[in-house]
Amino acid sequence: MKSLRSGDTLYQRNARRLLMPASNMKIVTLAAAAERLGWDYTYQTALFAAGTIADGTLRGDLVAVGSGDPSLTTAAGDALFAEWSDALKQAGIRTVAGRVIGDDDAFEDNGLGFGWSWDDLPDDYAAAVSALQFNENTVHVAIAPGPTPGDSAAVSVAPAGSGLTIVSSVTTSASGVPIAIRTHRLPGSMRLALTGTIAAGAPPAALAVSVDNPTLFFATALRGALIARGIDVRGAAIDIDDISDAPPHAGQPLATHRSPPLSTLALRLMKDSQNLYAETFLKTLSARAGAVPATEDGGRRDAAAALEPWGVGPDSLIQRDGSGLSRYDYVTADALVTILAHVAGDERLRGPFDASLPIAGRDGSLVNRMKGTRAEGNARAKTGSMSNVRGLSGYVTAASGEPLVFSILANNFDVPPPAITATEDAIVVRLAAFER
């Protein structure tokens, strides 16, 4: 814990010990992305016609080319696809004789982070990244109980086009029995197994699960939207990696889309701790450095190169993914304080970074913490949590008006996790009351 005014260290314990950071790793990723890409950086997604247009028909394929935009949720994607439908009509296209191809070649094919646990993969927080992404590469599964105990549960999935094959053995249990539903999907598999029970009379259970092929998900959603808006698409939606006859798509695109800037995307990353954004930003660092395709490994190298001049060396940071989901990530509390202090002192970086952090008692992952204390509305910090890991790093203003920076990391504890969280909060509240 340091003063941003004087640089004095107020307290430290095991400050240079490498510890797992969980989502505090997002501080590292965002700082490197802001430094290398700039807050105005945007992602472009473009639609090309690969073929000739005659008599209202594209005699060839439509090719959507992505660069990693993570922000095309269902609502944003629907708006984009409506614009693209209009662009096709303006170009005189009413029928597409060929396929809708998703070109994700800007990113490497492996969309999973290094060291991610295989049993996390069905869940939305472990969604693979791609150069083409739709709805954060997740679908929502609703599981409703049957009318009587022993009946099979009803399962529905939205939006359509995930490519997942749902195999459910979820049954209805007696009224009042706690819901117990598990998911299982192996890496590279489209088969999502659901097991467990849901009580009779209970409201539907809602699960957010990852898709296996984000590119195909995007292409399928695009194809469906075009058809719904009156474009006759004869061919299938397809991932460019699954065909050997991918057509060239040189020349001007039919339409392009720019994402919100990095400064806006950072809000979703940090306030809500969205892992997909972190992994996307890390690969984008590799793309900025000229790699084709962009890779996670290249992103890690570029992040390290960006942060080393700040005083964060390989002895204080071992980064294996962008989000902190990997248990192979290690960082020191001192390194996180160094990064946060550098950002606070850099006018180029400070404003959007500060705005992205959750505010104690007000929003994001801190919305229900430190309420009614001096830290409420004052402390701005990134949370981090997974099994036997808790972290909280950020800024708080002391009672004397002195700006402070702190990092608290806890690993391998044998007390209930809420006790660690309460201790983190108590430390930050004490800092908010500090005077000298």
Protein backbone atom coordinates (compact mmCIF):
# COMPACT_ATOMS: atom_id res chain seq x y z
CA MET A 1 0.00 0.00 0.00
CA LYS A 2 1.49 3.28 -1.11
CA SER A 3 0.75 6.97 -1.16
CA LEU A 4 0.32 8.29 -4.67
CA ARG A 5 1.24 11.72 -3.36
CA SER A 6 4.56 10.99 -1.67
CA GLY A 7 5.39 7.49 -2.94
CA ASP A 8 5.72 6.30 0.68
CA THR A 9 4.97 2.64 1.41
CA LEU A 10 2.44 2.57 4.23
CA TYR A 11 2.43 -1.20 4.73
CA GLN A 12 3.66 -4.32 2.99
CA ARG A 13 3.70 -8.01 3.75
CA ASN A 14 4.96 -10.63 1.28
CA ALA A 15 4.74 -7.85 -1.31
CA ARG A 16 7.14 -9.58 -3.70
CA ARG A 17 5.81 -13.10 -3.36
CA LEU A 18 4.29 -14.51 -6.55
CA LEU A 19 0.63 -15.36 -5.98
CA MET A 20 -2.33 -16.32 -8.15
CA PRO A 21 -4.29 -13.14 -8.89
CA ALA A 22 -7.56 -14.50 -10.33
CA SER A 23 -9.27 -11.55 -12.05
CA ASN A 24 -6.75 -9.05 -10.74
CA MET A 25 -4.83 -10.21 -13.84
CA LYS A 26 -7.24 -8.01 -15.80
CA ILE A 27 -5.38 -5.00 -14.38
CA VAL A 28 -2.26 -6.25 -16.16
CA THR A 29 -4.07 -6.91 -19.43
CA LEU A 30 -5.96 -3.63 -19.57
CA ALA A 31 -2.92 -1.56 -18.64
CA ALA A 32 -0.88 -3.18 -21.42
CA ALA A 33 -3.73 -2.82 -23.92
CA ALA A 34 -4.22 0.85 -23.09
CA GLU A 35 -0.49 1.50 -23.42
CA ARG A 36 -0.03 -0.38 -26.70
CA LEU A 37 -3.40 0.08 -28.45
CA GLY A 38 -4.60 3.40 -27.04
CA TRP A 39 -8.05 4.16 -25.65
CA ASP A 40 -9.40 5.03 -29.12
CA TYR A 41 -8.67 1.58 -30.56
CA THR A 42 -11.64 -0.08 -32.27
CA TYR A 43 -12.33 -3.47 -33.87
CA GLN A 44 -13.57 -3.70 -37.46
CA THR A 45 -15.92 -6.35 -38.82
CA ALA A 46 -16.52 -6.33 -42.57
CA LEU A 47 -18.84 -8.08 -45.02
CA PHE A 48 -17.57 -8.98 -48.50
CA ALA A 49 -19.20 -10.41 -51.61
CA ALA A 50 -17.07 -13.17 -53.10
CA GLY A 51 -18.61 -13.47 -56.54
CA THR A 52 -20.50 -11.51 -59.16
CA ILE A 53 -23.83 -9.77 -58.71
CA ALA A 54 -26.35 -10.13 -61.52
CA ASP A 55 -30.16 -10.03 -61.70
CA GLY A 56 -30.45 -9.57 -57.92
CA THR A 57 -28.31 -12.63 -57.16
CA LEU A 58 -24.84 -12.87 -55.65
CA ARG A 59 -23.35 -15.77 -57.57
CA GLY A 60 -20.92 -16.69 -54.86
CA ASP A 61 -20.45 -16.46 -51.11
CA LEU A 62 -20.83 -13.79 -48.47
CA VAL A 63 -17.75 -13.56 -46.29
CA ALA A 64 -17.77 -11.90 -42.85
CA VAL A 65 -14.23 -10.96 -41.77
CA GLY A 66 -13.61 -10.25 -38.10
CA SER A 67 -10.82 -8.79 -36.01
CA GLY A 68 -12.10 -9.80 -32.57
CA ASP A 69 -14.92 -7.40 -31.65
CA PRO A 70 -16.25 -8.77 -28.32
CA SER A 71 -19.17 -6.32 -28.06
CA LEU A 72 -21.69 -7.82 -30.51
CA THR A 73 -24.29 -9.01 -28.02
CA THR A 74 -27.64 -10.26 -29.28
CA ALA A 75 -29.08 -6.74 -29.38
CA ALA A 76 -26.00 -5.17 -30.96
CA GLY A 77 -25.64 -8.07 -33.37
CA ASP A 78 -29.27 -7.83 -34.45
CA ALA A 79 -28.81 -4.11 -35.18
CA LEU A 80 -25.65 -4.82 -37.16
CA PHE A 81 -27.21 -7.64 -39.15
CA ALA A 82 -30.18 -5.37 -39.99
CA GLU A 83 -27.73 -2.78 -41.34
CA TRP A 84 -25.98 -5.44 -43.37
CA SER A 85 -29.28 -6.70 -44.79
CA ASP A 86 -30.00 -3.15 -45.95
CA ALA A 87 -26.49 -2.88 -47.44
CA LEU A 88 -27.06 -6.07 -49.46
CA LYS A 89 -30.33 -4.76 -50.81
CA GLN A 90 -28.71 -1.44 -51.70
CA ALA A 91 -26.07 -3.41 -53.60
CA GLY A 92 -28.86 -5.11 -55.54
CA ILE A 93 -28.62 -8.46 -53.76
CA ARG A 94 -31.85 -10.27 -52.98
CA THR A 95 -30.47 -13.78 -53.26
CA VAL A 96 -27.16 -15.28 -52.14
CA ALA A 97 -26.48 -18.39 -54.20
CA GLY A 98 -23.56 -19.43 -52.05
CA ARG A 99 -22.67 -19.72 -48.39
CA VAL A 100 -22.24 -17.35 -45.44
CA ILE A 101 -18.59 -17.84 -44.46
CA GLY A 102 -17.10 -16.65 -41.20
CA ASP A 103 -13.47 -15.62 -41.66
CA ASP A 104 -11.72 -15.74 -38.29
CA ASP A 105 -8.18 -15.97 -39.64
CA ALA A 106 -7.09 -12.81 -37.80
CA PHE A 107 -6.86 -14.92 -34.60
CA GLU A 108 -5.30 -18.33 -34.02
CA ASP A 109 -7.77 -21.19 -34.00
CA ASN A 110 -7.19 -22.10 -30.34
CA GLY A 111 -9.56 -19.81 -28.45
CA LEU A 112 -8.95 -21.18 -24.95
CA GLY A 113 -6.58 -19.73 -22.39
CA PHE A 114 -3.43 -21.56 -21.32
CA GLY A 115 -4.07 -23.87 -18.38
CA TRP A 116 -7.84 -23.47 -18.23
CA SER A 117 -9.51 -26.33 -16.39
CA TRP A 118 -11.43 -28.58 -18.78
CA ASP A 119 -14.43 -28.75 -16.45
CA ASP A 120 -14.81 -24.94 -16.62
CA LEU A 121 -15.28 -25.03 -20.39
CA PRO A 122 -19.10 -25.41 -20.53
CA ASP A 123 -19.53 -22.20 -18.53
CA ASP A 124 -19.84 -18.71 -19.97
CA TYR A 125 -16.80 -17.41 -18.07
CA ALA A 126 -14.62 -19.90 -20.02
CA ALA A 127 -15.98 -19.09 -23.49
CA ALA A 128 -13.37 -19.41 -26.23
CA VAL A 129 -12.44 -16.27 -28.16
CA SER A 130 -12.41 -15.82 -31.93
CA ALA A 131 -11.88 -13.08 -34.47
CA LEU A 132 -15.66 -13.35 -35.03
CA GLN A 133 -17.73 -13.26 -31.83
CA PHE A 134 -21.46 -13.10 -31.17
CA ASN A 135 -23.32 -12.73 -27.87
CA GLU A 136 -20.02 -13.15 -26.00
CA ASN A 137 -19.92 -16.68 -27.45
CA THR A 138 -22.58 -17.91 -25.06
CA VAL A 139 -26.19 -19.06 -25.10
CA HIS A 140 -28.74 -19.11 -22.30
CA VAL A 141 -30.24 -22.45 -21.35
CA ALA A 142 -33.56 -22.48 -19.49
CA ILE A 143 -34.50 -25.66 -17.62
CA ALA A 144 -38.09 -25.95 -16.41
CA PRO A 145 -39.44 -28.71 -14.14
CA GLY A 146 -42.07 -31.16 -15.32
CA PRO A 147 -45.52 -31.25 -13.72
CA THR A 148 -44.75 -34.09 -11.27
CA PRO A 149 -41.68 -35.61 -9.59
CA GLY A 150 -39.87 -38.04 -11.85
CA ASP A 151 -40.83 -36.21 -15.06
CA SER A 152 -38.12 -35.03 -17.41
CA ALA A 153 -37.31 -31.33 -17.29
CA ALA A 154 -37.97 -29.15 -20.35
CA VAL A 155 -34.92 -27.47 -21.91
CA SER A 156 -34.78 -24.47 -24.23
CA VAL A 157 -31.81 -22.57 -25.68
CA ALA A 158 -31.54 -18.96 -26.86
CA PRO A 159 -30.39 -17.53 -29.15
CA ALA A 160 -30.61 -20.24 -31.81
CA GLY A 161 -27.67 -21.36 -33.89
CA SER A 162 -25.22 -22.31 -31.16
CA GLY A 163 -24.40 -25.64 -32.82
CA LEU A 164 -24.64 -27.34 -29.43
CA THR A 165 -26.37 -30.70 -29.11
CA ILE A 166 -28.14 -30.69 -25.74
CA VAL A 167 -28.37 -34.07 -24.04
CA SER A 168 -30.41 -33.71 -20.86
CA SER A 169 -31.15 -36.22 -18.14
CA VAL A 170 -32.41 -33.57 -15.72
CA THR A 171 -35.48 -34.80 -13.87
CA THR A 172 -38.11 -33.22 -11.64
CA SER A 173 -37.68 -33.70 -7.89
CA ALA A 174 -40.10 -33.16 -5.05
CA SER A 175 -41.20 -29.60 -4.31
CA GLY A 176 -38.76 -27.69 -2.14
CA VAL A 177 -35.69 -29.77 -2.96
CA PRO A 178 -32.75 -27.49 -3.87
CA ILE A 179 -31.88 -27.30 -7.56
CA ALA A 180 -28.80 -29.35 -8.48
CA ILE A 181 -27.88 -29.16 -12.17
CA ARG A 182 -24.47 -29.87 -13.66
CA THR A 183 -23.05 -29.24 -17.11
CA HIS A 184 -20.43 -31.25 -18.99
CA ARG A 185 -18.78 -30.60 -22.35
CA LEU A 186 -15.38 -31.82 -23.48
CA PRO A 187 -12.98 -29.52 -25.37
CA GLY A 188 -13.79 -29.45 -29.07
CA SER A 189 -17.15 -31.12 -28.58
CA MET A 190 -20.58 -29.78 -29.53
CA ARG A 191 -22.27 -32.12 -27.04
CA LEU A 192 -23.47 -30.42 -23.87
CA ALA A 193 -24.71 -32.84 -21.21
CA LEU A 194 -27.07 -31.66 -18.48
CA THR A 195 -27.61 -33.80 -15.40
CA GLY A 196 -29.31 -33.35 -12.04
CA THR A 197 -32.70 -32.33 -10.68
CA ILE A 198 -35.03 -29.34 -10.44
CA ALA A 199 -37.92 -29.19 -7.97
CA ALA A 200 -41.54 -29.38 -9.06
CA GLY A 201 -43.08 -25.91 -9.06
CA ALA A 202 -39.70 -24.15 -9.13
CA PRO A 203 -39.12 -21.35 -11.62
CA PRO A 204 -36.95 -22.31 -14.60
CA ALA A 205 -33.24 -22.50 -13.89
CA ALA A 206 -31.14 -20.22 -16.09
CA LEU A 207 -27.65 -21.25 -17.20
CA ALA A 208 -25.20 -19.32 -19.37
CA VAL A 209 -23.07 -21.77 -21.34
CA SER A 210 -20.31 -21.37 -23.90
CA VAL A 211 -20.51 -22.42 -27.54
CA ASP A 212 -17.78 -24.58 -29.01
CA ASN A 213 -17.30 -22.68 -32.30
CA PRO A 214 -17.80 -18.91 -31.97
CA THR A 215 -17.14 -18.30 -35.67
CA LEU A 216 -19.85 -20.71 -36.78
CA PHE A 217 -22.18 -19.17 -34.18
CA PHE A 218 -21.61 -15.72 -35.72
CA ALA A 219 -22.07 -16.95 -39.29
CA THR A 220 -25.24 -18.86 -38.36
CA ALA A 221 -26.70 -15.80 -36.61
CA LEU A 222 -25.87 -13.64 -39.63
CA ARG A 223 -27.42 -16.10 -42.08
CA GLY A 224 -30.60 -16.36 -39.99
CA ALA A 225 -30.89 -12.58 -39.73
CA LEU A 226 -30.50 -12.11 -43.49
CA ILE A 227 -33.19 -14.68 -44.22
CA ALA A 228 -35.52 -13.11 -41.66
CA ARG A 229 -35.11 -9.77 -43.47
CA GLY A 230 -35.94 -11.09 -46.90
CA ILE A 231 -32.56 -12.15 -48.27
CA ASP A 232 -32.75 -15.64 -49.79
CA VAL A 233 -29.55 -17.42 -48.70
CA ARG A 234 -29.17 -20.74 -50.48
CA GLY A 235 -25.95 -22.01 -48.89
CA ALA A 236 -25.09 -22.94 -45.33
CA ALA A 237 -23.31 -20.97 -42.63
CA ILE A 238 -19.75 -22.20 -42.30
CA ASP A 239 -16.44 -21.57 -40.55
CA ILE A 240 -13.70 -20.79 -43.05
CA ASP A 241 -11.49 -23.37 -41.33
CA ASP A 242 -13.92 -26.13 -42.31
CA ILE A 243 -13.63 -25.64 -46.07
CA SER A 244 -10.84 -26.02 -48.61
CA ASP A 245 -12.36 -23.77 -51.25
CA ALA A 246 -12.53 -20.45 -49.39
CA PRO A 247 -13.05 -17.75 -52.02
CA PRO A 248 -10.91 -14.58 -52.24
CA HIS A 249 -12.66 -11.46 -51.01
CA ALA A 250 -10.49 -8.59 -52.18
CA GLY A 251 -11.80 -5.13 -52.96
CA GLN A 252 -14.21 -2.91 -51.09
CA PRO A 253 -16.51 -4.52 -48.52
CA LEU A 254 -20.26 -4.27 -48.85
CA ALA A 255 -20.40 -2.98 -45.30
CA THR A 256 -18.17 -2.43 -42.26
CA HIS A 257 -18.77 -2.04 -38.57
CA ARG A 258 -16.59 -0.44 -35.92
CA SER A 259 -16.83 -1.44 -32.27
CA PRO A 260 -16.98 1.09 -29.45
CA PRO A 261 -13.49 2.28 -28.47
CA LEU A 262 -11.29 0.44 -25.98
CA SER A 263 -12.21 3.01 -23.32
CA THR A 264 -15.85 1.87 -23.55
CA LEU A 265 -15.08 -1.83 -23.89
CA ALA A 266 -12.97 -1.56 -20.72
CA LEU A 267 -16.12 -0.89 -18.69
CA ARG A 268 -17.52 -4.35 -19.46
CA LEU A 269 -14.13 -5.92 -18.84
CA MET A 270 -13.53 -4.41 -15.41
CA LYS A 271 -16.92 -3.54 -13.94
CA ASP A 272 -18.35 -6.99 -14.70
CA SER A 273 -15.05 -8.92 -14.84
CA GLN A 274 -15.79 -10.29 -18.30
CA ASN A 275 -13.13 -12.87 -19.17
CA LEU A 276 -13.86 -12.93 -22.91
CA TYR A 277 -12.86 -9.27 -23.22
CA ALA A 278 -9.57 -9.86 -21.43
CA GLU A 279 -8.61 -12.76 -23.68
CA THR A 280 -9.60 -10.77 -26.76
CA PHE A 281 -7.48 -7.78 -25.70
CA LEU A 282 -4.47 -10.01 -25.05
CA LYS A 283 -4.60 -11.50 -28.56
CA THR A 284 -5.18 -8.05 -30.01
CA LEU A 285 -1.82 -6.99 -28.59
CA SER A 286 -0.29 -9.68 -30.80
CA ALA A 287 -2.27 -8.40 -33.81
CA ARG A 288 -1.03 -4.85 -33.14
CA ALA A 289 2.50 -6.18 -33.27
CA GLY A 290 1.79 -7.51 -36.77
CA ALA A 291 1.21 -11.21 -36.06
CA VAL A 292 -1.10 -13.04 -38.47
CA PRO A 293 -2.80 -14.84 -36.96
CA ALA A 294 -2.71 -13.11 -33.59
CA THR A 295 -1.82 -15.47 -30.75
CA GLU A 296 -2.12 -15.59 -27.00
CA ASP A 297 1.60 -16.23 -26.72
CA GLY A 298 2.36 -13.17 -28.82
CA GLY A 299 0.02 -11.09 -26.70
CA ARG A 300 1.78 -12.16 -23.52
CA ARG A 301 5.13 -11.16 -24.97
CA ASP A 302 3.83 -7.77 -26.03
CA ALA A 303 2.21 -7.18 -22.62
CA ALA A 304 5.48 -8.01 -20.87
CA ALA A 305 7.38 -5.66 -23.18
CA ALA A 306 4.91 -2.87 -22.46
CA LEU A 307 5.12 -3.24 -18.68
CA GLU A 308 8.81 -3.92 -18.17
CA PRO A 309 9.80 -0.22 -18.57
CA TRP A 310 7.34 0.53 -15.76
CA GLY A 311 9.35 -1.68 -13.41
CA VAL A 312 7.38 -4.93 -13.82
CA GLY A 313 9.83 -7.65 -14.76
CA PRO A 314 9.65 -11.43 -15.23
CA ASP A 315 10.46 -11.95 -11.54
CA SER A 316 7.18 -10.27 -10.58
CA LEU A 317 4.77 -11.33 -13.34
CA ILE A 318 4.05 -14.71 -14.93
CA GLN A 319 1.12 -14.18 -17.27
CA ARG A 320 -0.45 -17.17 -19.02
CA ASP A 321 -3.83 -15.73 -20.02
CA GLY A 322 -5.55 -12.35 -20.07
CA SER A 323 -8.32 -12.87 -17.54
CA GLY A 324 -6.76 -14.68 -14.59
CA LEU A 325 -8.82 -17.84 -15.07
CA SER A 326 -5.63 -19.86 -15.46
CA ARG A 327 -4.10 -21.17 -12.26
CA TYR A 328 -0.71 -20.79 -13.93
CA ASP A 329 -0.93 -16.98 -13.61
CA TYR A 330 1.27 -15.44 -10.93
CA VAL A 331 1.92 -11.84 -9.97
CA THR A 332 3.19 -9.97 -6.93
CA ALA A 333 1.16 -7.40 -5.03
CA ASP A 334 4.08 -5.04 -5.56
CA ALA A 335 3.78 -5.45 -9.35
CA LEU A 336 0.06 -4.63 -9.27
CA VAL A 337 0.73 -1.54 -7.15
CA THR A 338 3.49 -0.52 -9.57
CA ILE A 339 1.12 -0.84 -12.55
CA LEU A 340 -1.69 1.05 -10.81
CA ALA A 341 0.67 3.79 -9.65
CA HIS A 342 2.07 4.20 -13.17
CA VAL A 343 -1.42 4.43 -14.68
CA ALA A 344 -2.45 7.01 -12.07
CA GLY A 345 0.55 9.15 -12.98
CA ASP A 346 0.07 8.98 -16.74
CA GLU A 347 -2.48 11.45 -18.15
CA ARG A 348 -2.87 9.30 -21.30
CA LEU A 349 -3.96 6.27 -19.31
CA ARG A 350 -5.53 7.50 -16.08
CA GLY A 351 -9.05 8.69 -16.91
CA PRO A 352 -10.58 5.72 -18.77
CA PHE A 353 -8.74 3.20 -16.58
CA ASP A 354 -10.06 4.81 -13.41
CA ALA A 355 -13.58 4.99 -14.87
CA SER A 356 -13.53 1.26 -15.65
CA LEU A 357 -12.94 0.13 -12.06
CA PRO A 358 -15.84 -1.01 -9.86
CA ILE A 359 -16.79 1.55 -7.19
CA ALA A 360 -17.30 0.30 -3.63
CA GLY A 361 -20.99 0.06 -2.73
CA ARG A 362 -22.06 1.52 -6.07
CA ASP A 363 -21.50 -0.66 -9.12
CA GLY A 364 -19.87 -3.65 -10.80
CA SER A 365 -18.44 -6.43 -8.69
CA LEU A 366 -18.22 -4.09 -5.66
CA VAL A 367 -21.87 -3.01 -5.72
CA ASN A 368 -22.71 -4.80 -2.46
CA ARG A 369 -19.43 -4.30 -0.64
CA MET A 370 -18.29 -1.64 1.87
CA LYS A 371 -21.70 0.01 1.95
CA GLY A 372 -22.18 2.56 4.74
CA THR A 373 -18.45 3.03 5.26
CA ARG A 374 -15.90 5.69 4.33
CA ALA A 375 -14.92 3.49 1.42
CA GLU A 376 -18.37 3.58 -0.21
CA GLY A 377 -18.24 5.71 -3.35
CA ASN A 378 -14.54 6.25 -2.65
CA ALA A 379 -12.61 3.01 -3.25
CA ARG A 380 -12.26 1.93 -6.88
CA ALA A 381 -10.80 -1.54 -7.27
CA LYS A 382 -10.70 -4.76 -9.26
CA THR A 383 -11.94 -7.87 -7.53
CA GLY A 384 -10.67 -11.39 -8.11
CA SER A 385 -11.98 -14.74 -6.96
CA MET A 386 -11.71 -18.44 -7.68
CA SER A 387 -11.17 -21.50 -5.50
CA ASN A 388 -8.75 -20.61 -2.69
CA VAL A 389 -7.89 -17.28 -4.35
CA ARG A 390 -9.12 -13.80 -3.51
CA GLY A 391 -7.77 -10.44 -4.63
CA LEU A 392 -8.64 -6.76 -4.44
CA SER A 393 -6.43 -4.05 -5.96
CA GLY A 394 -7.09 -0.41 -6.70
CA TYR A 395 -7.30 3.09 -5.30
CA VAL A 396 -8.85 4.80 -2.27
CA THR A 397 -8.63 8.32 -0.89
CA ALA A 398 -7.70 8.62 2.79
CA ALA A 399 -9.64 10.80 5.22
CA SER A 400 -6.87 13.39 4.92
CA GLY A 401 -7.40 13.57 1.16
CA GLU A 402 -4.25 11.58 0.39
CA PRO A 403 -4.66 9.27 -2.64
CA LEU A 404 -3.56 5.70 -1.91
CA VAL A 405 -2.97 2.62 -4.05
CA PHE A 406 -3.23 -0.93 -2.68
CA SER A 407 -3.15 -4.59 -3.64
CA ILE A 408 -4.39 -7.45 -1.45
CA LEU A 409 -3.84 -11.04 -2.65
CA ALA A 410 -4.74 -14.18 -0.69
CA ASN A 411 -3.99 -17.77 -1.74
CA ASN A 412 -4.34 -21.23 -0.18
CA PHE A 413 -6.38 -20.10 2.80
CA ASP A 414 -8.20 -22.58 5.04
CA VAL A 415 -10.97 -20.28 6.27
CA PRO A 416 -14.33 -19.68 4.56
CA PRO A 417 -13.91 -17.36 1.54
CA PRO A 418 -16.35 -14.76 2.96
CA ALA A 419 -13.88 -14.24 5.82
CA ILE A 420 -11.19 -13.28 3.32
CA THR A 421 -13.55 -10.93 1.50
CA ALA A 422 -14.54 -9.30 4.80
CA THR A 423 -10.87 -8.85 5.66
CA GLU A 424 -10.17 -7.19 2.30
CA ASP A 425 -13.05 -4.81 2.86
CA ALA A 426 -11.93 -4.01 6.41
CA ILE A 427 -8.44 -3.13 5.16
CA VAL A 428 -9.78 -0.77 2.49
CA VAL A 429 -12.20 0.84 4.95
CA ARG A 430 -9.27 1.40 7.33
CA LEU A 431 -7.29 3.03 4.52
CA ALA A 432 -10.27 5.29 3.76
CA ALA A 433 -10.18 6.44 7.40
CA PHE A 434 -6.40 6.90 7.46
CA GLU A 435 -4.96 10.26 8.51
CA ARG A 436 -1.44 11.49 9.14
